[in-house]
N, C-alpha and C. Protein backbone atom coordinates (compact mmCIF):
# COMPACT_ATOMS: atom_id res chain seq x y z
N UNK A 1 -1.63 24.79 33.24
CA UNK A 1 -0.56 24.13 34.08
C UNK A 1 -0.57 24.81 35.49
N UNK A 2 -0.80 26.08 35.45
CA UNK A 2 -0.81 26.74 36.86
C UNK A 2 -1.83 26.13 37.68
N UNK A 3 -3.02 25.85 37.15
CA UNK A 3 -4.15 25.29 38.01
C UNK A 3 -3.70 23.87 38.49
N UNK A 4 -3.07 23.11 37.63
CA UNK A 4 -2.59 21.79 38.11
C UNK A 4 -1.56 21.88 39.24
N UNK A 5 -0.66 22.82 39.04
CA UNK A 5 0.34 23.07 40.12
C UNK A 5 -0.26 23.46 41.44
N UNK A 6 -1.23 24.44 41.40
CA UNK A 6 -1.93 24.97 42.56
C UNK A 6 -2.70 23.88 43.25
N UNK A 7 -3.29 23.04 42.42
CA UNK A 7 -4.07 21.87 43.05
C UNK A 7 -3.15 20.99 43.74
N UNK A 8 -2.01 20.62 43.13
CA UNK A 8 -1.03 19.75 43.78
C UNK A 8 -0.59 20.40 45.19
N UNK A 9 -0.24 21.66 45.14
CA UNK A 9 0.25 22.30 46.29
C UNK A 9 -0.80 22.29 47.42
N UNK A 10 -2.00 22.46 47.03
CA UNK A 10 -3.13 22.45 47.99
C UNK A 10 -3.29 21.14 48.65
N UNK A 11 -3.17 20.03 47.78
CA UNK A 11 -3.19 18.67 48.40
C UNK A 11 -1.97 18.31 49.36
N UNK A 12 -0.86 18.84 48.95
CA UNK A 12 0.33 18.67 49.72
C UNK A 12 0.27 19.36 51.12
N UNK A 13 -0.59 20.37 51.14
CA UNK A 13 -0.54 21.21 52.32
C UNK A 13 0.79 21.79 52.71
N UNK A 14 1.52 22.18 51.61
CA UNK A 14 2.80 22.72 51.84
C UNK A 14 2.65 24.13 52.44
N UNK A 15 3.60 24.59 53.24
CA UNK A 15 3.46 25.84 54.07
C UNK A 15 3.91 27.00 53.24
N UNK A 16 4.70 26.89 52.33
CA UNK A 16 5.19 28.12 51.55
C UNK A 16 5.80 27.76 50.22
N UNK A 17 6.02 28.76 49.42
CA UNK A 17 6.78 28.61 48.13
C UNK A 17 6.05 28.27 46.95
N UNK A 18 4.71 28.17 46.97
CA UNK A 18 3.97 27.73 45.83
C UNK A 18 4.31 28.54 44.53
N UNK A 19 4.16 29.80 44.67
CA UNK A 19 4.36 30.67 43.45
C UNK A 19 5.86 30.82 43.05
N UNK A 20 6.67 30.84 44.02
CA UNK A 20 8.14 30.97 43.78
C UNK A 20 8.60 29.63 43.13
N UNK A 21 8.20 28.52 43.62
CA UNK A 21 8.72 27.18 42.99
C UNK A 21 8.11 27.02 41.58
N UNK A 22 6.90 27.40 41.44
CA UNK A 22 6.27 27.27 40.09
C UNK A 22 7.00 28.17 39.07
N UNK A 23 7.30 29.37 39.48
CA UNK A 23 8.06 30.29 38.57
C UNK A 23 9.46 29.66 38.24
N UNK A 24 10.10 29.08 39.20
CA UNK A 24 11.40 28.48 38.99
C UNK A 24 11.37 27.33 37.99
N UNK A 25 10.32 26.52 38.19
CA UNK A 25 10.07 25.37 37.27
C UNK A 25 9.81 25.87 35.88
N UNK A 26 9.02 26.91 35.69
CA UNK A 26 8.73 27.47 34.37
C UNK A 26 10.05 27.98 33.75
N UNK A 27 10.91 28.56 34.45
CA UNK A 27 12.16 29.02 33.98
C UNK A 27 13.08 27.82 33.52
N UNK A 28 13.14 26.81 34.40
CA UNK A 28 13.90 25.67 34.08
C UNK A 28 13.46 24.86 32.79
N UNK A 29 12.15 24.72 32.75
CA UNK A 29 11.68 23.97 31.59
C UNK A 29 11.50 24.82 30.37
N UNK A 30 11.76 26.08 30.43
CA UNK A 30 11.73 26.95 29.26
C UNK A 30 13.07 27.39 28.78
N UNK A 31 14.16 27.02 29.54
CA UNK A 31 15.47 27.49 29.25
C UNK A 31 16.21 26.65 28.20
N UNK A 32 16.15 27.08 26.94
CA UNK A 32 16.77 26.42 25.79
C UNK A 32 16.29 24.99 25.64
N UNK A 33 15.02 24.79 26.00
CA UNK A 33 14.38 23.47 25.88
C UNK A 33 13.54 23.34 24.60
N UNK A 34 13.53 22.15 23.98
CA UNK A 34 12.68 21.91 22.88
C UNK A 34 11.75 20.73 23.10
N UNK A 35 12.24 19.72 23.78
CA UNK A 35 11.55 18.50 24.12
C UNK A 35 11.24 18.49 25.61
N UNK A 36 12.22 18.63 26.47
CA UNK A 36 11.93 18.57 27.95
C UNK A 36 11.37 19.83 28.44
N UNK A 37 10.12 20.13 28.03
CA UNK A 37 9.45 21.35 28.21
C UNK A 37 8.21 21.10 29.22
N UNK A 38 7.53 22.20 29.46
CA UNK A 38 6.31 22.01 30.28
C UNK A 38 5.22 21.24 29.43
N UNK A 39 5.31 21.23 28.18
CA UNK A 39 4.44 20.38 27.40
C UNK A 39 4.67 18.94 27.70
N UNK A 40 5.92 18.49 27.86
CA UNK A 40 6.24 17.14 28.28
C UNK A 40 5.69 16.84 29.72
N UNK A 41 5.77 17.86 30.59
CA UNK A 41 5.22 17.64 31.91
C UNK A 41 3.65 17.53 31.87
N UNK A 42 3.02 18.38 31.03
CA UNK A 42 1.53 18.39 30.96
C UNK A 42 1.12 17.04 30.38
N UNK A 43 1.75 16.56 29.35
CA UNK A 43 1.32 15.25 28.73
C UNK A 43 1.44 14.11 29.82
N UNK A 44 2.54 14.14 30.51
CA UNK A 44 2.79 13.12 31.48
C UNK A 44 1.84 13.14 32.64
N UNK A 45 1.37 14.31 33.04
CA UNK A 45 0.37 14.44 34.07
C UNK A 45 -0.87 13.67 33.71
N UNK A 46 -1.28 13.70 32.48
CA UNK A 46 -2.45 12.94 32.02
C UNK A 46 -2.20 11.48 32.00
N UNK A 47 -1.01 11.06 31.72
CA UNK A 47 -0.69 9.62 31.77
C UNK A 47 -0.58 9.07 33.20
N UNK A 48 -0.18 9.98 34.18
CA UNK A 48 -0.11 9.62 35.53
C UNK A 48 -1.49 9.37 36.10
N UNK A 49 -2.34 10.26 35.67
CA UNK A 49 -3.76 10.19 36.24
C UNK A 49 -4.41 8.81 35.91
N UNK A 50 -4.02 8.25 34.80
CA UNK A 50 -4.58 6.95 34.44
C UNK A 50 -4.16 5.85 35.45
N UNK A 51 -3.04 6.09 36.08
CA UNK A 51 -2.51 5.07 37.04
C UNK A 51 -2.81 5.42 38.48
N UNK A 52 -3.62 6.33 38.70
CA UNK A 52 -3.90 6.84 40.08
C UNK A 52 -4.25 5.69 41.07
N UNK A 53 -5.09 4.83 40.65
CA UNK A 53 -5.54 3.70 41.47
C UNK A 53 -4.45 2.66 41.70
N UNK A 54 -3.33 2.72 41.00
CA UNK A 54 -2.27 1.74 41.12
C UNK A 54 -1.13 2.30 42.09
N UNK A 55 -1.18 3.53 42.35
CA UNK A 55 -0.08 4.13 43.12
C UNK A 55 -0.24 3.92 44.59
N UNK A 56 0.87 3.97 45.30
CA UNK A 56 0.88 3.93 46.74
C UNK A 56 0.90 5.33 47.43
N UNK A 57 1.45 6.25 46.67
CA UNK A 57 1.55 7.62 47.15
C UNK A 57 1.52 8.60 45.97
N UNK A 58 0.29 8.85 45.51
CA UNK A 58 0.13 9.61 44.23
C UNK A 58 0.71 10.92 44.32
N UNK A 59 0.59 11.66 45.43
CA UNK A 59 1.05 13.06 45.46
C UNK A 59 2.56 13.13 45.29
N UNK A 60 3.33 12.18 45.90
CA UNK A 60 4.72 12.08 45.74
C UNK A 60 5.17 11.77 44.34
N UNK A 61 4.39 10.94 43.74
CA UNK A 61 4.59 10.60 42.28
C UNK A 61 4.36 11.83 41.37
N UNK A 62 3.30 12.52 41.73
CA UNK A 62 3.03 13.71 40.91
C UNK A 62 4.02 14.80 41.11
N UNK A 63 4.46 14.99 42.34
CA UNK A 63 5.49 15.99 42.68
C UNK A 63 6.77 15.68 41.96
N UNK A 64 7.17 14.36 41.99
CA UNK A 64 8.34 13.94 41.40
C UNK A 64 8.31 14.21 39.86
N UNK A 65 7.19 13.97 39.21
CA UNK A 65 7.03 14.17 37.83
C UNK A 65 7.35 15.63 37.42
N UNK A 66 6.79 16.56 38.18
CA UNK A 66 7.07 17.96 37.96
C UNK A 66 8.56 18.25 37.93
N UNK A 67 9.37 17.57 38.76
CA UNK A 67 10.75 17.87 38.83
C UNK A 67 11.67 16.93 38.08
N UNK A 68 11.19 15.90 37.49
CA UNK A 68 12.06 14.85 37.00
C UNK A 68 13.08 15.27 35.90
N UNK A 69 12.73 16.31 35.18
CA UNK A 69 13.61 16.84 34.14
C UNK A 69 13.97 18.32 34.43
N UNK A 70 13.85 18.76 35.76
CA UNK A 70 14.11 20.13 36.04
C UNK A 70 15.60 20.52 35.69
N UNK A 71 16.51 19.60 35.89
CA UNK A 71 17.84 19.76 35.44
C UNK A 71 18.07 18.84 34.24
N UNK A 72 18.39 19.48 33.16
CA UNK A 72 18.51 18.65 31.88
C UNK A 72 19.52 19.23 31.05
N UNK A 73 20.84 18.93 31.33
CA UNK A 73 21.96 19.41 30.60
C UNK A 73 22.29 18.29 29.52
N UNK A 74 22.18 18.64 28.26
CA UNK A 74 22.47 17.62 27.25
C UNK A 74 23.80 17.01 27.38
N UNK A 75 23.80 15.62 27.46
CA UNK A 75 25.08 14.86 27.57
C UNK A 75 25.51 14.59 29.00
N UNK A 76 25.02 15.32 29.99
CA UNK A 76 25.38 15.17 31.38
C UNK A 76 24.91 13.82 31.91
N UNK A 77 25.66 13.25 32.80
CA UNK A 77 25.29 11.98 33.30
C UNK A 77 24.64 11.97 34.71
N UNK A 78 24.48 13.20 35.20
CA UNK A 78 23.94 13.41 36.57
C UNK A 78 22.62 14.33 36.62
N UNK A 79 21.96 14.35 35.48
CA UNK A 79 20.72 15.18 35.42
C UNK A 79 19.70 14.63 36.44
N UNK A 80 19.51 13.38 36.45
CA UNK A 80 18.45 12.84 37.42
C UNK A 80 18.84 13.06 38.83
N UNK A 81 20.09 12.87 39.14
CA UNK A 81 20.53 13.13 40.53
C UNK A 81 20.34 14.53 40.90
N UNK A 82 20.69 15.47 40.03
CA UNK A 82 20.48 16.87 40.31
C UNK A 82 19.03 17.34 40.43
N UNK A 83 18.23 16.70 39.59
CA UNK A 83 16.78 16.94 39.65
C UNK A 83 16.20 16.38 40.96
N UNK A 84 16.64 15.22 41.33
CA UNK A 84 16.23 14.56 42.54
C UNK A 84 16.60 15.42 43.76
N UNK A 85 17.83 15.92 43.78
CA UNK A 85 18.33 16.77 44.88
C UNK A 85 17.47 17.98 44.93
N UNK A 86 17.11 18.65 43.82
CA UNK A 86 16.35 19.83 43.81
C UNK A 86 14.93 19.53 44.32
N UNK A 87 14.33 18.45 43.96
CA UNK A 87 13.04 18.19 44.39
C UNK A 87 13.03 17.95 45.96
N UNK A 88 14.03 17.24 46.40
CA UNK A 88 14.14 17.03 47.93
C UNK A 88 14.30 18.38 48.61
N UNK A 89 15.18 19.19 48.14
CA UNK A 89 15.35 20.49 48.69
C UNK A 89 14.11 21.31 48.73
N UNK A 90 13.47 21.37 47.67
CA UNK A 90 12.16 22.15 47.59
C UNK A 90 11.10 21.54 48.54
N UNK A 91 11.02 20.30 48.65
CA UNK A 91 10.09 19.63 49.58
C UNK A 91 10.43 20.00 50.97
N UNK A 92 11.69 20.03 51.35
CA UNK A 92 12.03 20.34 52.76
C UNK A 92 11.82 21.83 53.05
N UNK A 93 12.15 22.66 52.04
CA UNK A 93 11.97 24.10 52.23
C UNK A 93 10.52 24.52 52.32
N UNK A 94 9.66 23.62 51.78
CA UNK A 94 8.24 23.95 51.79
C UNK A 94 7.52 23.28 52.87
N UNK A 95 8.27 22.72 53.84
CA UNK A 95 7.58 22.18 55.00
C UNK A 95 7.06 20.80 54.90
N UNK A 96 7.48 20.06 53.81
CA UNK A 96 6.99 18.70 53.66
C UNK A 96 7.89 17.79 54.37
N UNK A 97 7.36 16.64 54.81
CA UNK A 97 8.18 15.68 55.59
C UNK A 97 9.35 15.18 54.82
N UNK A 98 10.40 14.78 55.68
CA UNK A 98 11.64 14.18 55.07
C UNK A 98 11.30 12.98 54.18
N UNK A 99 10.42 12.08 54.69
CA UNK A 99 10.09 10.89 53.95
C UNK A 99 9.52 11.19 52.61
N UNK A 100 8.64 12.21 52.59
CA UNK A 100 8.12 12.57 51.28
C UNK A 100 9.12 13.02 50.31
N UNK A 101 10.05 13.88 50.75
CA UNK A 101 11.12 14.40 49.88
C UNK A 101 11.96 13.17 49.37
N UNK A 102 12.31 12.19 50.23
CA UNK A 102 13.11 11.08 49.87
C UNK A 102 12.37 10.33 48.83
N UNK A 103 11.05 10.07 49.03
CA UNK A 103 10.27 9.28 48.13
C UNK A 103 10.24 9.96 46.76
N UNK A 104 10.01 11.25 46.68
CA UNK A 104 10.01 11.93 45.37
C UNK A 104 11.38 11.86 44.71
N UNK A 105 12.49 12.02 45.48
CA UNK A 105 13.80 11.95 44.93
C UNK A 105 14.07 10.53 44.40
N UNK A 106 13.64 9.48 45.09
CA UNK A 106 13.91 8.13 44.55
C UNK A 106 13.10 7.89 43.29
N UNK A 107 11.92 8.41 43.19
CA UNK A 107 11.08 8.24 41.98
C UNK A 107 11.69 8.96 40.70
N UNK A 108 12.36 10.10 40.99
CA UNK A 108 13.06 10.74 39.89
C UNK A 108 14.27 9.90 39.40
N UNK A 109 14.95 9.27 40.41
CA UNK A 109 16.02 8.43 39.97
C UNK A 109 15.64 7.22 39.13
N UNK A 110 14.34 6.81 39.32
CA UNK A 110 13.82 5.75 38.56
C UNK A 110 13.76 6.03 37.05
N UNK A 111 13.82 7.32 36.72
CA UNK A 111 13.79 7.65 35.27
C UNK A 111 15.11 7.67 34.60
N UNK A 112 16.16 7.24 35.35
CA UNK A 112 17.54 7.17 34.79
C UNK A 112 17.79 5.85 34.09
N UNK A 113 17.56 4.76 34.67
CA UNK A 113 17.77 3.45 34.14
C UNK A 113 16.55 2.84 33.59
N UNK A 114 15.34 3.40 33.99
CA UNK A 114 14.14 2.85 33.63
C UNK A 114 13.89 1.35 33.85
N UNK A 115 14.37 0.97 35.06
CA UNK A 115 14.18 -0.45 35.49
C UNK A 115 13.97 -0.51 36.98
N UNK A 116 13.05 0.29 37.50
CA UNK A 116 12.86 0.26 38.97
C UNK A 116 12.07 -0.89 39.40
N UNK A 117 12.08 -1.27 40.75
CA UNK A 117 11.33 -2.36 41.32
C UNK A 117 10.02 -1.95 41.88
N UNK A 118 9.87 -0.74 42.39
CA UNK A 118 8.62 -0.32 43.02
C UNK A 118 7.55 -0.08 41.98
N UNK A 119 6.31 -0.22 42.40
CA UNK A 119 5.27 0.04 41.56
C UNK A 119 5.17 1.51 41.10
N UNK A 120 5.40 2.43 42.00
CA UNK A 120 5.42 3.92 41.66
C UNK A 120 6.55 4.18 40.73
N UNK A 121 7.71 3.53 40.99
CA UNK A 121 8.78 3.77 40.05
C UNK A 121 8.58 3.28 38.70
N UNK A 122 7.85 2.17 38.52
CA UNK A 122 7.51 1.62 37.19
C UNK A 122 6.48 2.54 36.49
N UNK A 123 5.61 3.19 37.26
CA UNK A 123 4.68 4.16 36.72
C UNK A 123 5.38 5.37 36.14
N UNK A 124 6.27 5.96 36.89
CA UNK A 124 6.89 7.19 36.40
C UNK A 124 7.92 6.81 35.24
N UNK A 125 8.50 5.61 35.25
CA UNK A 125 9.33 5.26 34.18
C UNK A 125 8.47 5.04 32.90
N UNK A 126 7.34 4.37 33.00
CA UNK A 126 6.58 4.15 31.84
C UNK A 126 6.02 5.47 31.24
N UNK A 127 5.55 6.36 32.18
CA UNK A 127 5.02 7.63 31.69
C UNK A 127 6.16 8.45 30.97
N UNK A 128 7.38 8.36 31.49
CA UNK A 128 8.50 9.14 30.83
C UNK A 128 8.75 8.58 29.53
N UNK A 129 8.58 7.25 29.30
CA UNK A 129 8.90 6.60 28.03
C UNK A 129 7.72 6.60 27.04
N UNK A 130 6.54 6.98 27.57
CA UNK A 130 5.34 6.90 26.76
C UNK A 130 5.41 7.57 25.33
N UNK A 131 6.11 8.73 25.24
CA UNK A 131 6.26 9.32 23.90
C UNK A 131 6.88 8.46 22.86
N UNK A 132 7.69 7.44 23.31
CA UNK A 132 8.23 6.45 22.34
C UNK A 132 7.17 5.72 21.57
N UNK A 133 5.95 5.61 22.16
CA UNK A 133 4.88 4.92 21.57
C UNK A 133 3.87 5.88 20.89
N UNK A 134 4.26 7.09 20.62
CA UNK A 134 3.48 8.06 19.96
C UNK A 134 3.32 7.60 18.46
N UNK A 135 2.31 8.12 17.72
CA UNK A 135 2.26 7.95 16.28
C UNK A 135 3.62 8.39 15.63
N UNK A 136 3.97 7.81 14.51
CA UNK A 136 5.25 8.06 13.95
C UNK A 136 5.56 9.56 13.72
N UNK A 137 4.56 10.35 13.26
CA UNK A 137 4.75 11.77 12.99
C UNK A 137 5.14 12.52 14.33
N UNK A 138 4.47 12.16 15.40
CA UNK A 138 4.79 12.80 16.74
C UNK A 138 6.21 12.31 17.19
N UNK A 139 6.49 11.01 16.93
CA UNK A 139 7.79 10.50 17.38
C UNK A 139 8.87 11.25 16.59
N UNK A 140 8.64 11.52 15.28
CA UNK A 140 9.62 12.22 14.49
C UNK A 140 9.83 13.64 15.04
N UNK A 141 8.68 14.35 15.39
CA UNK A 141 8.76 15.66 15.91
C UNK A 141 9.57 15.65 17.23
N UNK A 142 9.23 14.68 18.07
CA UNK A 142 9.93 14.53 19.38
C UNK A 142 11.43 14.38 19.15
N UNK A 143 11.80 13.56 18.13
CA UNK A 143 13.24 13.30 17.86
C UNK A 143 13.88 14.57 17.39
N UNK A 144 13.23 15.33 16.56
CA UNK A 144 13.76 16.59 16.16
C UNK A 144 13.98 17.54 17.26
N UNK A 145 13.00 17.58 18.14
CA UNK A 145 13.23 18.43 19.31
C UNK A 145 14.29 18.10 20.22
N UNK A 146 14.47 16.79 20.41
CA UNK A 146 15.59 16.30 21.20
C UNK A 146 17.00 16.69 20.48
N UNK A 147 16.94 16.43 19.17
CA UNK A 147 18.20 16.84 18.44
C UNK A 147 18.50 18.34 18.63
N UNK A 148 17.45 19.22 18.64
CA UNK A 148 17.65 20.56 18.84
C UNK A 148 18.22 20.93 20.21
N UNK A 149 17.89 20.10 21.17
CA UNK A 149 18.46 20.32 22.51
C UNK A 149 19.86 20.01 22.54
N UNK A 150 20.28 19.04 21.63
CA UNK A 150 21.70 18.61 21.61
C UNK A 150 22.45 19.34 20.49
N UNK A 151 22.04 20.62 20.32
CA UNK A 151 22.63 21.36 19.15
C UNK A 151 24.14 21.47 19.11
N UNK A 152 24.79 21.43 20.29
CA UNK A 152 26.21 21.57 20.33
C UNK A 152 26.95 20.34 19.87
N UNK A 153 26.21 19.24 19.73
CA UNK A 153 26.80 17.97 19.26
C UNK A 153 26.71 17.82 17.74
N UNK A 154 27.75 17.16 17.19
CA UNK A 154 27.78 16.97 15.74
C UNK A 154 26.68 15.88 15.39
N UNK A 155 26.33 15.76 14.18
CA UNK A 155 25.39 14.64 13.79
C UNK A 155 25.95 13.28 14.13
N UNK A 156 27.19 13.09 13.91
CA UNK A 156 27.82 11.82 14.23
C UNK A 156 27.73 11.47 15.70
N UNK A 157 28.06 12.49 16.53
CA UNK A 157 27.93 12.27 17.98
C UNK A 157 26.60 12.03 18.48
N UNK A 158 25.65 12.79 17.90
CA UNK A 158 24.21 12.69 18.33
C UNK A 158 23.69 11.31 17.81
N UNK A 159 23.93 10.90 16.66
CA UNK A 159 23.49 9.67 16.12
C UNK A 159 24.01 8.47 16.91
N UNK A 160 25.25 8.54 17.36
CA UNK A 160 25.89 7.53 18.16
C UNK A 160 25.12 7.38 19.49
N UNK A 161 24.81 8.57 20.10
CA UNK A 161 24.14 8.51 21.47
C UNK A 161 22.72 7.96 21.22
N UNK A 162 22.00 8.43 20.12
CA UNK A 162 20.67 8.00 19.90
C UNK A 162 20.61 6.50 19.61
N UNK A 163 21.56 6.01 18.79
CA UNK A 163 21.56 4.60 18.48
C UNK A 163 21.68 3.72 19.72
N UNK A 164 22.63 4.11 20.59
CA UNK A 164 22.90 3.41 21.85
C UNK A 164 21.60 3.37 22.73
N UNK A 165 20.97 4.48 22.81
CA UNK A 165 19.83 4.58 23.70
C UNK A 165 18.63 3.78 23.15
N UNK A 166 18.34 4.01 21.79
CA UNK A 166 17.24 3.35 21.22
C UNK A 166 17.41 1.86 21.10
N UNK A 167 18.64 1.37 20.82
CA UNK A 167 18.90 -0.04 20.75
C UNK A 167 18.75 -0.65 22.11
N UNK A 168 19.16 0.09 23.15
CA UNK A 168 18.97 -0.40 24.54
C UNK A 168 17.55 -0.71 24.82
N UNK A 169 16.67 0.17 24.48
CA UNK A 169 15.24 -0.09 24.64
C UNK A 169 14.80 -1.28 23.87
N UNK A 170 15.21 -1.35 22.65
CA UNK A 170 14.72 -2.42 21.77
C UNK A 170 15.22 -3.77 22.23
N UNK A 171 16.35 -3.83 22.94
CA UNK A 171 16.94 -5.14 23.40
C UNK A 171 16.24 -5.58 24.72
N UNK A 172 15.42 -4.77 25.30
CA UNK A 172 14.69 -5.14 26.49
C UNK A 172 13.64 -6.09 26.24
N UNK A 173 13.29 -6.96 27.16
CA UNK A 173 12.13 -7.78 27.00
C UNK A 173 10.87 -6.97 26.86
N UNK A 174 10.76 -5.99 27.74
CA UNK A 174 9.65 -5.07 27.63
C UNK A 174 10.15 -3.70 27.84
N UNK A 175 9.75 -2.74 26.95
CA UNK A 175 10.08 -1.31 27.18
C UNK A 175 9.20 -0.78 28.35
N UNK A 176 7.92 -1.13 28.33
CA UNK A 176 7.11 -0.66 29.34
C UNK A 176 6.86 -1.74 30.47
N UNK A 177 6.95 -1.35 31.73
CA UNK A 177 6.93 -2.30 32.79
C UNK A 177 5.60 -2.72 33.33
N UNK A 178 4.57 -1.99 33.05
CA UNK A 178 3.22 -2.25 33.56
C UNK A 178 2.25 -2.50 32.36
N UNK A 179 1.42 -3.45 32.52
CA UNK A 179 0.48 -3.71 31.43
C UNK A 179 -0.37 -2.48 30.99
N UNK A 180 -0.69 -1.60 31.98
CA UNK A 180 -1.47 -0.40 31.62
C UNK A 180 -0.82 0.34 30.51
N UNK A 181 0.52 0.55 30.56
CA UNK A 181 1.14 1.29 29.49
C UNK A 181 1.66 0.40 28.34
N UNK A 182 2.11 -0.85 28.72
CA UNK A 182 2.58 -1.77 27.76
C UNK A 182 1.52 -2.08 26.67
N UNK A 183 0.31 -2.19 27.04
CA UNK A 183 -0.74 -2.56 26.11
C UNK A 183 -1.00 -1.48 25.15
N UNK A 184 -0.81 -0.22 25.51
CA UNK A 184 -1.02 0.91 24.66
C UNK A 184 0.15 1.28 23.83
N UNK A 185 1.37 1.19 24.38
CA UNK A 185 2.49 1.85 23.76
C UNK A 185 3.58 0.89 23.19
N UNK A 186 3.67 -0.34 23.71
CA UNK A 186 4.80 -1.20 23.39
C UNK A 186 4.97 -1.48 21.88
N UNK A 187 3.93 -1.88 21.25
CA UNK A 187 4.04 -2.27 19.84
C UNK A 187 4.45 -1.06 18.92
N UNK A 188 3.83 0.08 19.19
CA UNK A 188 4.17 1.27 18.41
C UNK A 188 5.54 1.75 18.68
N UNK A 189 5.95 1.68 19.96
CA UNK A 189 7.30 2.14 20.34
C UNK A 189 8.39 1.30 19.67
N UNK A 190 8.18 0.02 19.63
CA UNK A 190 9.18 -0.87 18.93
C UNK A 190 9.15 -0.55 17.43
N UNK A 191 8.05 -0.42 16.84
CA UNK A 191 7.97 0.01 15.41
C UNK A 191 8.71 1.27 15.13
N UNK A 192 8.52 2.23 16.02
CA UNK A 192 9.10 3.60 15.81
C UNK A 192 10.65 3.48 15.97
N UNK A 193 11.08 2.74 17.01
CA UNK A 193 12.49 2.64 17.27
C UNK A 193 13.17 1.98 16.11
N UNK A 194 12.61 0.84 15.54
CA UNK A 194 13.24 0.17 14.44
C UNK A 194 13.31 1.04 13.21
N UNK A 195 12.33 1.83 12.99
CA UNK A 195 12.25 2.74 11.87
C UNK A 195 13.31 3.81 12.05
N UNK A 196 13.40 4.32 13.22
CA UNK A 196 14.37 5.38 13.54
C UNK A 196 15.85 4.91 13.37
N UNK A 197 16.08 3.67 13.88
CA UNK A 197 17.44 3.06 13.73
C UNK A 197 17.81 2.88 12.27
N UNK A 198 16.81 2.49 11.52
CA UNK A 198 17.08 2.21 10.08
C UNK A 198 17.38 3.42 9.40
N UNK A 199 16.77 4.61 9.79
CA UNK A 199 17.00 5.85 9.15
C UNK A 199 18.41 6.43 9.52
N UNK A 200 18.82 6.12 10.74
CA UNK A 200 20.15 6.50 11.13
C UNK A 200 21.23 5.91 10.41
N UNK A 201 20.97 4.57 10.10
CA UNK A 201 22.04 3.79 9.34
C UNK A 201 22.08 4.32 7.92
């Protein structure tokens, strides 16, 4: 992961903060996390790479991905906004242009409703949701890890939140917005969600 971060920083030509920011990200993604960890970031980087030729500004997309779950308080409604603000602040403090920081922040916000209009927004949204289309065993493990992050919630509270979120995805015409990801993950994701909802009931 360190090599991937250093490579991004080099391509950004940022003036300062490489090691300090990386250490801060490691702390954030390791702080009482079970699902929203650096492993999630690493897996997503691989999925982003598949869409490199589709992006309009790949480095901003990659930068946004590193920060998109930097703030992740279970049950909070402003995690994406706070993560976006952090990414923008880091970009500016590191000597990156205002437009770059705004672009990265906007991409992070695309992971909140998962219904963006821009191509890059659709990419980061699909990458964020790609674990829904994992094989069932991995989906189960991811679900358990998310449950562990919500440890302060009762089973009833957590199941109600999960049901609402999962049913929302199932009710969409397409979970994944781009054919690149839809072709790979859509069918399995819907199967997983239906199975998970049946088990909750």
